[in-house]
Amino acid sequence: MRPTEGTILTIIKAAGESAVSSEASNLVTLMEEICKYSEIMLDKTPDMLPALKQAKVVDAGGMGLLILFKGMYEALKSNMEATINKADKQSTKSETISSAAADMPVDIKLDIVLNY
């Protein structure tokens, strides 16, 4: 697989570039700028990939990433607080499964079929 412009990779690259070039003095403003620039790039994805243009859609992965960025921005803007419940320090079944899965070698193959 080769990285392709017009995908989630384009959006994450745009987010990184906007963060690096930002002159924001606080995290809320920085996330707002990242969201705005990422959305501008997302709107351009149909012009980067003919399949998106033909379907008249933006990249789904890029849209998902933008939703995450916007959620982060809204949480920061509203001073949302989160706590971690440390009352149960014993390993749960899902943690055990996750730990076991982390030790297993991963061989992921992706077959994509596009119907036009």
N, C-alpha and C. Protein backbone atom coordinates (compact mmCIF):
# COMPACT_ATOMS: atom_id res chain seq x y z
N MET A 1 0.84 -1.17 0.00
CA MET A 1 0.00 0.00 0.00
C MET A 1 0.89 1.24 0.00
N ARG A 2 0.51 2.20 -0.79
CA ARG A 2 1.24 3.46 -0.87
C ARG A 2 0.40 4.58 -0.27
N PRO A 3 1.01 5.47 0.52
CA PRO A 3 0.27 6.62 1.04
C PRO A 3 -0.29 7.43 -0.12
N THR A 4 -1.51 7.85 0.00
CA THR A 4 -2.18 8.57 -1.07
C THR A 4 -2.76 9.88 -0.55
N GLU A 5 -2.54 10.95 -1.29
CA GLU A 5 -3.16 12.24 -0.96
C GLU A 5 -4.68 12.10 -1.11
N GLY A 6 -5.39 12.77 -0.23
CA GLY A 6 -6.85 12.72 -0.27
C GLY A 6 -7.42 11.76 0.75
N THR A 7 -6.55 11.22 1.60
CA THR A 7 -6.98 10.28 2.62
C THR A 7 -6.76 10.87 4.01
N ILE A 8 -6.97 10.06 5.02
CA ILE A 8 -6.75 10.49 6.40
C ILE A 8 -5.32 11.00 6.58
N LEU A 9 -4.39 10.46 5.80
CA LEU A 9 -2.99 10.91 5.89
C LEU A 9 -2.86 12.38 5.53
N THR A 10 -3.64 12.83 4.58
CA THR A 10 -3.63 14.25 4.19
C THR A 10 -4.11 15.11 5.34
N ILE A 11 -5.13 14.64 6.05
CA ILE A 11 -5.70 15.42 7.16
C ILE A 11 -4.73 15.48 8.33
N ILE A 12 -4.10 14.36 8.66
CA ILE A 12 -3.16 14.37 9.79
C ILE A 12 -1.94 15.21 9.45
N LYS A 13 -1.52 15.20 8.20
CA LYS A 13 -0.40 16.04 7.77
C LYS A 13 -0.79 17.52 7.89
N ALA A 14 -1.99 17.87 7.46
CA ALA A 14 -2.46 19.25 7.55
C ALA A 14 -2.55 19.69 9.02
N ALA A 15 -3.02 18.80 9.87
CA ALA A 15 -3.13 19.11 11.30
C ALA A 15 -1.74 19.39 11.88
N GLY A 16 -0.80 18.54 11.54
CA GLY A 16 0.57 18.73 12.03
C GLY A 16 1.19 20.01 11.53
N GLU A 17 0.99 20.29 10.25
CA GLU A 17 1.55 21.52 9.68
C GLU A 17 0.93 22.76 10.32
N SER A 18 -0.38 22.71 10.57
CA SER A 18 -1.02 23.88 11.17
C SER A 18 -0.56 24.05 12.62
N ALA A 19 -0.31 22.96 13.32
CA ALA A 19 0.17 23.05 14.71
C ALA A 19 1.58 23.64 14.75
N VAL A 20 2.43 23.18 13.84
CA VAL A 20 3.82 23.65 13.81
C VAL A 20 3.89 25.13 13.45
N SER A 21 3.07 25.57 12.52
CA SER A 21 3.13 26.97 12.07
C SER A 21 2.29 27.92 12.92
N SER A 22 1.52 27.38 13.86
CA SER A 22 0.64 28.20 14.69
C SER A 22 1.43 29.12 15.63
N GLU A 23 0.84 30.26 15.86
CA GLU A 23 1.39 31.19 16.84
C GLU A 23 0.45 31.29 18.04
N ALA A 24 -0.41 30.29 18.19
CA ALA A 24 -1.38 30.28 19.29
C ALA A 24 -0.65 30.29 20.63
N SER A 25 -1.24 31.00 21.58
CA SER A 25 -0.61 31.10 22.90
C SER A 25 -1.24 30.14 23.91
N ASN A 26 -2.29 29.41 23.49
CA ASN A 26 -2.88 28.44 24.41
C ASN A 26 -3.42 27.25 23.62
N LEU A 27 -3.66 26.17 24.32
CA LEU A 27 -4.06 24.92 23.69
C LEU A 27 -5.44 24.99 23.04
N VAL A 28 -6.35 25.74 23.62
CA VAL A 28 -7.69 25.86 23.04
C VAL A 28 -7.61 26.51 21.66
N THR A 29 -6.88 27.59 21.56
CA THR A 29 -6.73 28.28 20.28
C THR A 29 -6.00 27.39 19.27
N LEU A 30 -5.01 26.68 19.72
CA LEU A 30 -4.27 25.77 18.84
C LEU A 30 -5.21 24.70 18.28
N MET A 31 -6.02 24.07 19.14
CA MET A 31 -6.94 23.04 18.65
C MET A 31 -7.99 23.63 17.71
N GLU A 32 -8.41 24.85 17.96
CA GLU A 32 -9.37 25.50 17.07
C GLU A 32 -8.75 25.68 15.68
N GLU A 33 -7.50 26.12 15.63
CA GLU A 33 -6.81 26.30 14.36
C GLU A 33 -6.62 24.95 13.64
N ILE A 34 -6.25 23.93 14.39
CA ILE A 34 -6.07 22.60 13.82
C ILE A 34 -7.38 22.12 13.21
N CYS A 35 -8.49 22.33 13.91
CA CYS A 35 -9.80 21.91 13.39
C CYS A 35 -10.15 22.66 12.10
N LYS A 36 -9.95 23.96 12.10
CA LYS A 36 -10.28 24.76 10.91
C LYS A 36 -9.45 24.34 9.70
N TYR A 37 -8.15 24.20 9.89
CA TYR A 37 -7.28 23.84 8.77
C TYR A 37 -7.55 22.42 8.29
N SER A 38 -7.80 21.53 9.23
CA SER A 38 -8.11 20.13 8.86
C SER A 38 -9.41 20.06 8.06
N GLU A 39 -10.38 20.86 8.45
CA GLU A 39 -11.66 20.86 7.73
C GLU A 39 -11.50 21.41 6.31
N ILE A 40 -10.67 22.43 6.17
CA ILE A 40 -10.39 22.98 4.83
C ILE A 40 -9.78 21.90 3.95
N MET A 41 -8.81 21.16 4.51
CA MET A 41 -8.17 20.09 3.74
C MET A 41 -9.14 18.95 3.45
N LEU A 42 -9.98 18.61 4.40
CA LEU A 42 -10.96 17.55 4.20
C LEU A 42 -11.88 17.89 3.03
N ASP A 43 -12.29 19.15 2.95
CA ASP A 43 -13.16 19.58 1.86
C ASP A 43 -12.48 19.48 0.50
N LYS A 44 -11.14 19.44 0.48
CA LYS A 44 -10.40 19.33 -0.77
C LYS A 44 -10.15 17.87 -1.18
N THR A 45 -10.43 16.91 -0.30
CA THR A 45 -10.10 15.51 -0.62
C THR A 45 -10.80 14.97 -1.87
N PRO A 46 -12.02 15.39 -2.19
CA PRO A 46 -12.62 14.88 -3.44
C PRO A 46 -11.84 15.30 -4.68
N ASP A 47 -11.15 16.42 -4.60
CA ASP A 47 -10.35 16.87 -5.74
C ASP A 47 -9.02 16.13 -5.83
N MET A 48 -8.67 15.40 -4.78
CA MET A 48 -7.41 14.67 -4.75
C MET A 48 -7.56 13.21 -5.17
N LEU A 49 -8.75 12.66 -4.95
CA LEU A 49 -9.01 11.26 -5.29
C LEU A 49 -10.23 11.16 -6.20
N PRO A 50 -10.05 10.66 -7.40
CA PRO A 50 -11.17 10.55 -8.34
C PRO A 50 -12.35 9.74 -7.79
N ALA A 51 -12.08 8.71 -7.01
CA ALA A 51 -13.17 7.89 -6.47
C ALA A 51 -14.06 8.70 -5.53
N LEU A 52 -13.45 9.58 -4.74
CA LEU A 52 -14.22 10.44 -3.84
C LEU A 52 -15.04 11.45 -4.63
N LYS A 53 -14.43 12.00 -5.65
CA LYS A 53 -15.13 12.98 -6.49
C LYS A 53 -16.33 12.35 -7.18
N GLN A 54 -16.13 11.15 -7.71
CA GLN A 54 -17.21 10.46 -8.40
C GLN A 54 -18.36 10.15 -7.44
N ALA A 55 -18.03 9.77 -6.21
CA ALA A 55 -19.05 9.45 -5.22
C ALA A 55 -19.62 10.70 -4.54
N LYS A 56 -18.99 11.85 -4.80
CA LYS A 56 -19.40 13.13 -4.21
C LYS A 56 -19.35 13.09 -2.68
N VAL A 57 -18.21 12.56 -2.16
CA VAL A 57 -18.01 12.46 -0.72
C VAL A 57 -16.59 12.91 -0.38
N VAL A 58 -16.36 13.17 0.91
CA VAL A 58 -15.01 13.42 1.40
C VAL A 58 -14.48 12.11 1.97
N ASP A 59 -13.19 12.07 2.27
CA ASP A 59 -12.58 10.86 2.81
C ASP A 59 -13.17 10.55 4.19
N ALA A 60 -13.65 9.32 4.38
CA ALA A 60 -14.30 8.92 5.63
C ALA A 60 -13.32 8.91 6.80
N GLY A 61 -12.10 8.42 6.59
CA GLY A 61 -11.11 8.41 7.65
C GLY A 61 -10.74 9.82 8.08
N GLY A 62 -10.60 10.69 7.10
CA GLY A 62 -10.31 12.09 7.39
C GLY A 62 -11.43 12.75 8.16
N MET A 63 -12.67 12.41 7.81
CA MET A 63 -13.83 12.94 8.53
C MET A 63 -13.83 12.44 9.98
N GLY A 64 -13.51 11.16 10.15
CA GLY A 64 -13.45 10.61 11.51
C GLY A 64 -12.40 11.30 12.35
N LEU A 65 -11.25 11.55 11.75
CA LEU A 65 -10.18 12.24 12.46
C LEU A 65 -10.60 13.66 12.83
N LEU A 66 -11.26 14.34 11.91
CA LEU A 66 -11.75 15.69 12.19
C LEU A 66 -12.75 15.67 13.35
N ILE A 67 -13.60 14.68 13.40
CA ILE A 67 -14.56 14.55 14.50
C ILE A 67 -13.82 14.41 15.83
N LEU A 68 -12.75 13.62 15.84
CA LEU A 68 -11.95 13.48 17.06
C LEU A 68 -11.31 14.80 17.45
N PHE A 69 -10.75 15.51 16.47
CA PHE A 69 -10.15 16.81 16.75
C PHE A 69 -11.19 17.78 17.32
N LYS A 70 -12.37 17.80 16.73
CA LYS A 70 -13.42 18.70 17.20
C LYS A 70 -13.86 18.34 18.62
N GLY A 71 -13.90 17.06 18.91
CA GLY A 71 -14.25 16.62 20.27
C GLY A 71 -13.20 17.08 21.27
N MET A 72 -11.94 16.97 20.89
CA MET A 72 -10.86 17.44 21.75
C MET A 72 -10.96 18.95 21.96
N TYR A 73 -11.25 19.67 20.88
CA TYR A 73 -11.39 21.13 20.98
C TYR A 73 -12.55 21.50 21.92
N GLU A 74 -13.69 20.86 21.74
CA GLU A 74 -14.85 21.17 22.59
C GLU A 74 -14.57 20.85 24.05
N ALA A 75 -13.88 19.74 24.31
CA ALA A 75 -13.54 19.38 25.68
C ALA A 75 -12.60 20.42 26.30
N LEU A 76 -11.62 20.86 25.54
CA LEU A 76 -10.70 21.87 26.05
C LEU A 76 -11.41 23.21 26.26
N LYS A 77 -12.25 23.58 25.29
CA LYS A 77 -12.95 24.87 25.35
C LYS A 77 -13.88 24.95 26.56
N SER A 78 -14.49 23.84 26.90
CA SER A 78 -15.45 23.85 28.01
C SER A 78 -14.81 23.41 29.34
N ASN A 79 -13.48 23.30 29.35
CA ASN A 79 -12.76 22.89 30.56
C ASN A 79 -13.27 21.57 31.13
N MET A 80 -13.60 20.65 30.25
CA MET A 80 -14.10 19.36 30.67
C MET A 80 -13.04 18.64 31.49
N GLU A 81 -13.47 18.03 32.58
CA GLU A 81 -12.56 17.29 33.42
C GLU A 81 -12.92 15.82 33.38
N ALA A 82 -11.93 14.99 33.51
CA ALA A 82 -12.15 13.55 33.53
C ALA A 82 -11.37 12.96 34.69
N THR A 83 -11.92 11.93 35.29
CA THR A 83 -11.22 11.25 36.37
C THR A 83 -11.10 9.78 36.04
N ILE A 84 -10.12 9.15 36.65
CA ILE A 84 -9.91 7.73 36.45
C ILE A 84 -10.21 7.04 37.77
N ASN A 85 -11.10 6.08 37.71
CA ASN A 85 -11.46 5.33 38.91
C ASN A 85 -10.41 4.26 39.15
N LYS A 86 -9.62 4.44 40.20
CA LYS A 86 -8.55 3.50 40.50
C LYS A 86 -8.94 2.56 41.64
N ALA A 87 -10.22 2.47 41.96
CA ALA A 87 -10.66 1.64 43.07
C ALA A 87 -10.39 0.16 42.82
N ASP A 88 -10.58 -0.31 41.61
CA ASP A 88 -10.38 -1.72 41.27
C ASP A 88 -9.02 -1.88 40.63
N LYS A 89 -8.05 -2.34 41.39
CA LYS A 89 -6.70 -2.48 40.85
C LYS A 89 -6.42 -3.87 40.32
N GLN A 90 -7.41 -4.78 40.40
CA GLN A 90 -7.21 -6.12 39.87
C GLN A 90 -7.42 -6.10 38.37
N SER A 91 -6.71 -6.98 37.70
CA SER A 91 -6.82 -7.09 36.25
C SER A 91 -8.19 -7.64 35.88
N THR A 92 -8.79 -7.03 34.89
CA THR A 92 -10.07 -7.53 34.40
C THR A 92 -9.82 -8.44 33.21
N LYS A 93 -10.84 -9.17 32.84
CA LYS A 93 -10.71 -10.10 31.71
C LYS A 93 -10.30 -9.36 30.44
N SER A 94 -10.89 -8.19 30.16
CA SER A 94 -10.56 -7.46 28.94
C SER A 94 -9.12 -6.97 28.97
N GLU A 95 -8.62 -6.56 30.15
CA GLU A 95 -7.23 -6.15 30.24
C GLU A 95 -6.30 -7.32 29.97
N THR A 96 -6.69 -8.51 30.48
CA THR A 96 -5.88 -9.71 30.27
C THR A 96 -5.83 -10.04 28.78
N ILE A 97 -6.97 -9.97 28.12
CA ILE A 97 -7.02 -10.25 26.69
C ILE A 97 -6.18 -9.23 25.93
N SER A 98 -6.30 -7.97 26.30
CA SER A 98 -5.53 -6.94 25.62
C SER A 98 -4.04 -7.16 25.81
N SER A 99 -3.62 -7.52 27.01
CA SER A 99 -2.21 -7.77 27.27
C SER A 99 -1.71 -8.95 26.46
N ALA A 100 -2.51 -10.01 26.40
CA ALA A 100 -2.11 -11.18 25.63
C ALA A 100 -2.03 -10.84 24.15
N ALA A 101 -2.95 -10.04 23.67
CA ALA A 101 -2.96 -9.66 22.25
C ALA A 101 -1.74 -8.81 21.90
N ALA A 102 -1.30 -8.01 22.86
CA ALA A 102 -0.14 -7.15 22.60
C ALA A 102 1.13 -7.96 22.38
N ASP A 103 1.20 -9.16 22.96
CA ASP A 103 2.39 -10.00 22.82
C ASP A 103 2.39 -10.85 21.56
N MET A 104 1.26 -10.89 20.87
CA MET A 104 1.15 -11.74 19.69
C MET A 104 1.66 -11.00 18.45
N PRO A 105 2.34 -11.73 17.56
CA PRO A 105 2.75 -11.08 16.31
C PRO A 105 1.51 -10.72 15.49
N VAL A 106 1.61 -9.62 14.78
CA VAL A 106 0.46 -9.15 14.02
C VAL A 106 0.78 -9.20 12.53
N ASP A 107 -0.10 -9.82 11.79
CA ASP A 107 0.04 -9.86 10.34
C ASP A 107 -1.31 -9.43 9.79
N ILE A 108 -1.43 -8.17 9.44
CA ILE A 108 -2.70 -7.64 8.97
C ILE A 108 -2.66 -7.50 7.46
N LYS A 109 -3.66 -8.06 6.83
CA LYS A 109 -3.79 -7.91 5.38
C LYS A 109 -5.14 -7.27 5.12
N LEU A 110 -5.15 -6.35 4.22
CA LEU A 110 -6.36 -5.63 3.91
C LEU A 110 -6.70 -5.79 2.45
N ASP A 111 -7.85 -6.38 2.20
CA ASP A 111 -8.33 -6.50 0.84
C ASP A 111 -9.49 -5.53 0.65
N ILE A 112 -9.37 -4.67 -0.32
CA ILE A 112 -10.40 -3.68 -0.58
C ILE A 112 -10.96 -3.92 -1.97
N VAL A 113 -12.26 -3.97 -2.03
CA VAL A 113 -12.92 -4.11 -3.32
C VAL A 113 -13.76 -2.86 -3.53
N LEU A 114 -13.49 -2.16 -4.60
CA LEU A 114 -14.26 -0.97 -4.94
C LEU A 114 -15.18 -1.30 -6.09
N ASN A 115 -16.44 -1.04 -5.91
CA ASN A 115 -17.42 -1.26 -6.98
C ASN A 115 -17.86 0.09 -7.52
N TYR A 116 -17.66 0.30 -8.78
CA TYR A 116 -18.07 1.56 -9.40
C TYR A 116 -19.10 1.29 -10.46
